[in-house]
C-alpha atoms as a PDB file:
ATOM      1  CA  MET A   1       9.228  21.747  29.837  1.00  0.00           C
ATOM      2  CA  LYS A   2      11.068  20.575  32.893  1.00  0.00           C
ATOM      3  CA  LYS A   3      14.651  19.973  31.794  1.00  0.00           C
ATOM      4  CA  PRO A   4      15.771  23.632  31.510  1.00  0.00           C
ATOM      5  CA  GLU A   5      14.804  24.292  35.124  1.00  0.00           C
ATOM      6  CA  GLN A   6      16.424  21.035  36.314  1.00  0.00           C
ATOM      7  CA  LEU A   7      19.665  21.994  34.652  1.00  0.00           C
ATOM      8  CA  ARG A   8      19.561  25.555  35.994  1.00  0.00           C
ATOM      9  CA  LYS A   9      19.179  24.223  39.549  1.00  0.00           C
ATOM     10  CA  LEU A  10      22.074  21.818  39.091  1.00  0.00           C
ATOM     11  CA  LEU A  11      24.343  24.556  37.751  1.00  0.00           C
ATOM     12  CA  GLU A  12      23.373  26.889  40.600  1.00  0.00           C
ATOM     13  CA  GLN A  13      24.228  24.168  43.118  1.00  0.00           C
ATOM     14  CA  SER A  14      27.470  23.211  41.367  1.00  0.00           C
ATOM     15  CA  SER A  15      29.019  26.630  40.877  1.00  0.00           C
ATOM     16  CA  LEU A  16      29.832  29.250  43.479  1.00  0.00           C
ATOM     17  CA  PHE A  17      30.143  31.732  40.597  1.00  0.00           C
ATOM     18  CA  ILE A  18      26.513  31.127  39.573  1.00  0.00           C
ATOM     19  CA  LYS A  19      25.276  31.025  43.193  1.00  0.00           C
ATOM     20  CA  THR A  20      26.928  34.385  43.827  1.00  0.00           C
ATOM     21  CA  ASP A  21      25.655  36.045  40.655  1.00  0.00           C
ATOM     22  CA  PRO A  22      22.739  34.046  39.147  1.00  0.00           C
ATOM     23  CA  ASP A  23      21.983  36.847  36.666  1.00  0.00           C
ATOM     24  CA  LYS A  24      25.143  35.862  34.765  1.00  0.00           C
ATOM     25  CA  LEU A  25      23.436  32.566  33.797  1.00  0.00           C
ATOM     26  CA  HIS A  26      21.014  32.727  30.886  1.00  0.00           C
ATOM     27  CA  ILE A  27      19.095  29.710  29.607  1.00  0.00           C
ATOM     28  CA  PHE A  28      16.883  29.767  26.548  1.00  0.00           C
ATOM     29  CA  ILE A  29      15.422  27.413  23.971  1.00  0.00           C
ATOM     30  CA  GLU A  30      15.718  27.590  20.199  1.00  0.00           C
ATOM     31  CA  ASP A  31      15.207  25.319  17.201  1.00  0.00           C
ATOM     32  CA  GLY A  32      12.306  23.656  18.964  1.00  0.00           C
ATOM     33  CA  ASN A  33       9.997  21.111  17.409  1.00  0.00           C
ATOM     34  CA  ILE A  34       6.889  19.447  18.698  1.00  0.00           C
ATOM     35  CA  ILE A  35       6.572  15.925  17.400  1.00  0.00           C
ATOM     36  CA  ALA A  36       3.008  14.631  17.369  1.00  0.00           C
ATOM     37  CA  THR A  37       1.520  11.781  15.372  1.00  0.00           C
ATOM     38  CA  ALA A  38      -1.835  10.836  13.944  1.00  0.00           C
ATOM     39  CA  ALA A  39      -2.340   8.343  16.773  1.00  0.00           C
ATOM     40  CA  LYS A  40      -5.482   8.412  18.899  1.00  0.00           C
ATOM     41  CA  SER A  41      -3.493  10.009  21.717  1.00  0.00           C
ATOM     42  CA  LEU A  42      -2.586  13.689  22.053  1.00  0.00           C
ATOM     43  CA  SER A  43       0.808  12.693  23.482  1.00  0.00           C
ATOM     44  CA  TYR A  44       3.813  14.448  21.955  1.00  0.00           C
ATOM     45  CA  GLU A  45       7.517  15.128  22.297  1.00  0.00           C
ATOM     46  CA  TYR A  46       9.474  18.352  22.593  1.00  0.00           C
ATOM     47  CA  GLN A  47      12.793  18.370  20.717  1.00  0.00           C
ATOM     48  CA  TYR A  48      14.915  21.466  21.106  1.00  0.00           C
ATOM     49  CA  LYS A  49      18.298  23.055  21.589  1.00  0.00           C
ATOM     50  CA  LEU A  50      18.877  24.387  25.083  1.00  0.00           C
ATOM     51  CA  ASN A  51      21.312  27.293  25.119  1.00  0.00           C
ATOM     52  CA  ILE A  52      23.209  28.015  28.298  1.00  0.00           C
ATOM     53  CA  VAL A  53      25.096  31.298  28.358  1.00  0.00           C
ATOM     54  CA  LEU A  54      27.403  32.352  31.163  1.00  0.00           C
ATOM     55  CA  LEU A  55      28.732  35.889  31.147  1.00  0.00           C
ATOM     56  CA  ASP A  56      32.096  36.862  32.643  1.00  0.00           C
ATOM     57  CA  TYR A  57      32.672  33.310  33.877  1.00  0.00           C
ATOM     58  CA  GLY A  58      35.823  33.190  35.980  1.00  0.00           C
ATOM     59  CA  GLU A  59      36.019  29.587  37.174  1.00  0.00           C
ATOM     60  CA  SER A  60      37.494  26.530  35.504  1.00  0.00           C
ATOM     61  CA  ILE A  61      35.482  25.528  32.447  1.00  0.00           C
ATOM     62  CA  ASP A  62      35.922  21.915  33.559  1.00  0.00           C
ATOM     63  CA  SER A  63      33.959  22.651  36.738  1.00  0.00           C
ATOM     64  CA  LEU A  64      31.076  23.710  34.507  1.00  0.00           C
ATOM     65  CA  MET A  65      31.308  20.870  31.977  1.00  0.00           C
ATOM     66  CA  VAL A  66      31.440  17.986  34.466  1.00  0.00           C
ATOM     67  CA  PRO A  67      27.948  18.652  35.887  1.00  0.00           C
ATOM     68  CA  VAL A  68      26.569  19.248  32.374  1.00  0.00           C
ATOM     69  CA  ILE A  69      27.982  15.952  31.084  1.00  0.00           C
ATOM     70  CA  ALA A  70      26.772  14.051  34.166  1.00  0.00           C
ATOM     71  CA  TRP A  71      23.304  15.575  33.775  1.00  0.00           C
ATOM     72  CA  MET A  72      23.218  14.594  30.093  1.00  0.00           C
ATOM     73  CA  TYR A  73      24.346  11.073  31.004  1.00  0.00           C
ATOM     74  CA  VAL A  74      21.358  10.702  33.324  1.00  0.00           C
ATOM     75  CA  HIS A  75      18.662  12.727  31.531  1.00  0.00           C
ATOM     76  CA  GLN A  76      19.549  12.290  27.824  1.00  0.00           C
ATOM     77  CA  GLN A  77      21.299   8.961  27.768  1.00  0.00           C
ATOM     78  CA  GLU A  78      20.182   8.190  24.212  1.00  0.00           C
ATOM     79  CA  TYR A  79      22.364  11.073  23.007  1.00  0.00           C
ATOM     80  CA  MET A  80      25.358  10.010  25.058  1.00  0.00           C
ATOM     81  CA  GLY A  81      25.104   6.330  24.109  1.00  0.00           C
ATOM     82  CA  ASN A  82      24.747   6.798  20.358  1.00  0.00           C
ATOM     83  CA  PRO A  83      27.952   7.878  18.516  1.00  0.00           C
ATOM     84  CA  GLU A  84      26.013   9.688  15.781  1.00  0.00           C
ATOM     85  CA  LEU A  85      23.831  11.631  18.219  1.00  0.00           C
ATOM     86  CA  ARG A  86      26.700  12.191  20.662  1.00  0.00           C
ATOM     87  CA  ALA A  87      28.610  14.261  18.089  1.00  0.00           C
ATOM     88  CA  GLU A  88      25.819  16.869  18.146  1.00  0.00           C
ATOM     89  CA  ALA A  89      24.621  16.493  21.757  1.00  0.00           C
ATOM     90  CA  ILE A  90      26.842  19.126  23.401  1.00  0.00           C
ATOM     91  CA  LYS A  91      28.286  22.135  21.593  1.00  0.00           C
ATOM     92  CA  LEU A  92      30.562  24.771  23.054  1.00  0.00           C
ATOM     93  CA  ASP A  93      31.447  28.384  22.183  1.00  0.00           C
ATOM     94  CA  ILE A  94      33.863  30.458  24.254  1.00  0.00           C
ATOM     95  CA  GLU A  95      34.832  34.104  23.978  1.00  0.00           C
ATOM     96  CA  HIS A  96      37.922  35.057  25.957  1.00  0.00           C
ATOM     97  CA  LEU A  97      37.213  38.436  27.516  1.00  0.00           C
ATOM     98  CA  ASN A  98      40.535  38.792  29.313  1.00  0.00           C
ATOM     99  CA  ASN A  99      43.026  36.617  31.211  1.00  0.00           C
ATOM    100  CA  LYS A 100      40.494  35.801  33.912  1.00  0.00           C
ATOM    101  CA  SER A 101      37.042  35.529  32.373  1.00  0.00           C
ATOM    102  CA  TYR A 102      35.060  34.176  29.448  1.00  0.00           C
ATOM    103  CA  ASP A 103      31.615  34.338  27.955  1.00  0.00           C
ATOM    104  CA  ILE A 104      30.606  30.712  27.488  1.00  0.00           C
ATOM    105  CA  GLY A 105      27.845  29.288  25.337  1.00  0.00           C
ATOM    106  CA  ILE A 106      26.802  25.646  25.663  1.00  0.00           C
ATOM    107  CA  THR A 107      24.116  24.169  23.429  1.00  0.00           C
ATOM    108  CA  LEU A 108      22.486  20.872  24.389  1.00  0.00           C
ATOM    109  CA  SER A 109      20.217  18.728  22.221  1.00  0.00           C
ATOM    110  CA  LEU A 110      17.264  17.760  24.418  1.00  0.00           C
ATOM    111  CA  SER A 111      13.929  16.016  24.164  1.00  0.00           C
ATOM    112  CA  GLU A 112      10.994  15.571  26.523  1.00  0.00           C
ATOM    113  CA  ARG A 113       8.056  13.241  26.046  1.00  0.00           C
ATOM    114  CA  VAL A 114       4.624  14.234  27.341  1.00  0.00           C
ATOM    115  CA  ILE A 115       1.826  11.721  27.803  1.00  0.00           C
ATOM    116  CA  VAL A 116      -1.649  13.249  27.494  1.00  0.00           C
ATOM    117  CA  GLN A 117      -4.573  11.273  28.918  1.00  0.00           C
ATOM    118  CA  MET A 118      -8.142  11.937  29.911  1.00  0.00           C
ATOM    119  CA  GLY A 119      -8.409  12.130  33.684  1.00  0.00           C
ATOM    120  CA  ALA A 120     -11.200  12.680  36.164  1.00  0.00           C
ATOM    121  CA  ASN A 121     -10.984  16.480  35.715  1.00  0.00           C
ATOM    122  CA  GLY A 122     -10.193  16.610  32.002  1.00  0.00           C
ATOM    123  CA  LEU A 123      -6.906  16.239  30.168  1.00  0.00           C
ATOM    124  CA  GLU A 124      -3.840  15.378  32.242  1.00  0.00           C
ATOM    125  CA  TYR A 125      -0.237  15.909  31.142  1.00  0.00           C
ATOM    126  CA  LYS A 126       2.619  13.771  32.423  1.00  0.00           C
ATOM    127  CA  HIS A 127       6.255  14.322  31.528  1.00  0.00           C
ATOM    128  CA  VAL A 128       7.932  10.963  31.016  1.00  0.00           C
ATOM    129  CA  SER A 129      11.314  10.418  32.652  1.00  0.00           C
ATOM    130  CA  ASP A 130      14.114   9.622  30.216  1.00  0.00           C
ATOM    131  CA  ASN A 131      16.317   8.499  33.073  1.00  0.00           C
ATOM    132  CA  PRO A 132      17.796   5.016  32.878  1.00  0.00           C
ATOM    133  CA  PRO A 133      16.863   2.548  35.633  1.00  0.00           C
ATOM    134  CA  GLU A 134      18.490   3.416  38.959  1.00  0.00           C
ATOM    135  CA  TYR A 135      20.830   0.408  38.852  1.00  0.00           C
ATOM    136  CA  MET A 136      22.277   1.624  35.518  1.00  0.00           C
ATOM    137  CA  ILE A 137      23.274   5.077  36.809  1.00  0.00           C
ATOM    138  CA  PRO A 138      26.900   5.136  37.995  1.00  0.00           C
ATOM    139  CA  GLN A 139      27.549   6.438  41.501  1.00  0.00           C
ATOM    140  CA  TRP A 140      29.510   9.429  40.147  1.00  0.00           C
ATOM    141  CA  ALA A 141      26.482  10.556  38.117  1.00  0.00           C
ATOM    142  CA  LYS A 142      24.169  10.177  41.129  1.00  0.00           C
ATOM    143  CA  GLU A 143      26.491  12.249  43.309  1.00  0.00           C
ATOM    144  CA  ILE A 144      26.916  15.022  40.770  1.00  0.00           C
ATOM    145  CA  CYS A 145      23.267  15.211  39.745  1.00  0.00           C
ATOM    146  CA  GLN A 146      21.907  14.565  43.230  1.00  0.00           C
ATOM    147  CA  MET A 147      18.137  14.795  42.870  1.00  0.00           C
ATOM    148  CA  TYR A 148      18.146  16.472  39.468  1.00  0.00           C
END
């Protein structure tokens, strides 16, 4: 799976807090499914909840949410564009530790398609981009997400 690492890199670039203390950022997957069919292909799709946990976070929560929302806009547009899916796409839990810090939990609904084909050296696996065409991505999303 590629999306958890993409998102980790974006958050590390976006937050001085995470850059300074990357061990405060935890990312893990739960409620995962692998969707495969009885087609002739071995291609499949991962569907899962990505949990992002930040411990003792002391910055503005908005500075964390803006990159997450921009990343979702680019990499999971079907969730952001569909009102029914959007309601479950991003979930948030916050525990106030004191006047200056929080433990924050963000859960994202994600999917990744994998195309499996026979290649010259056996089976080859290709993760399919869910990104919309370049011309459909607003400039603000490009700037926030940069290459991720």
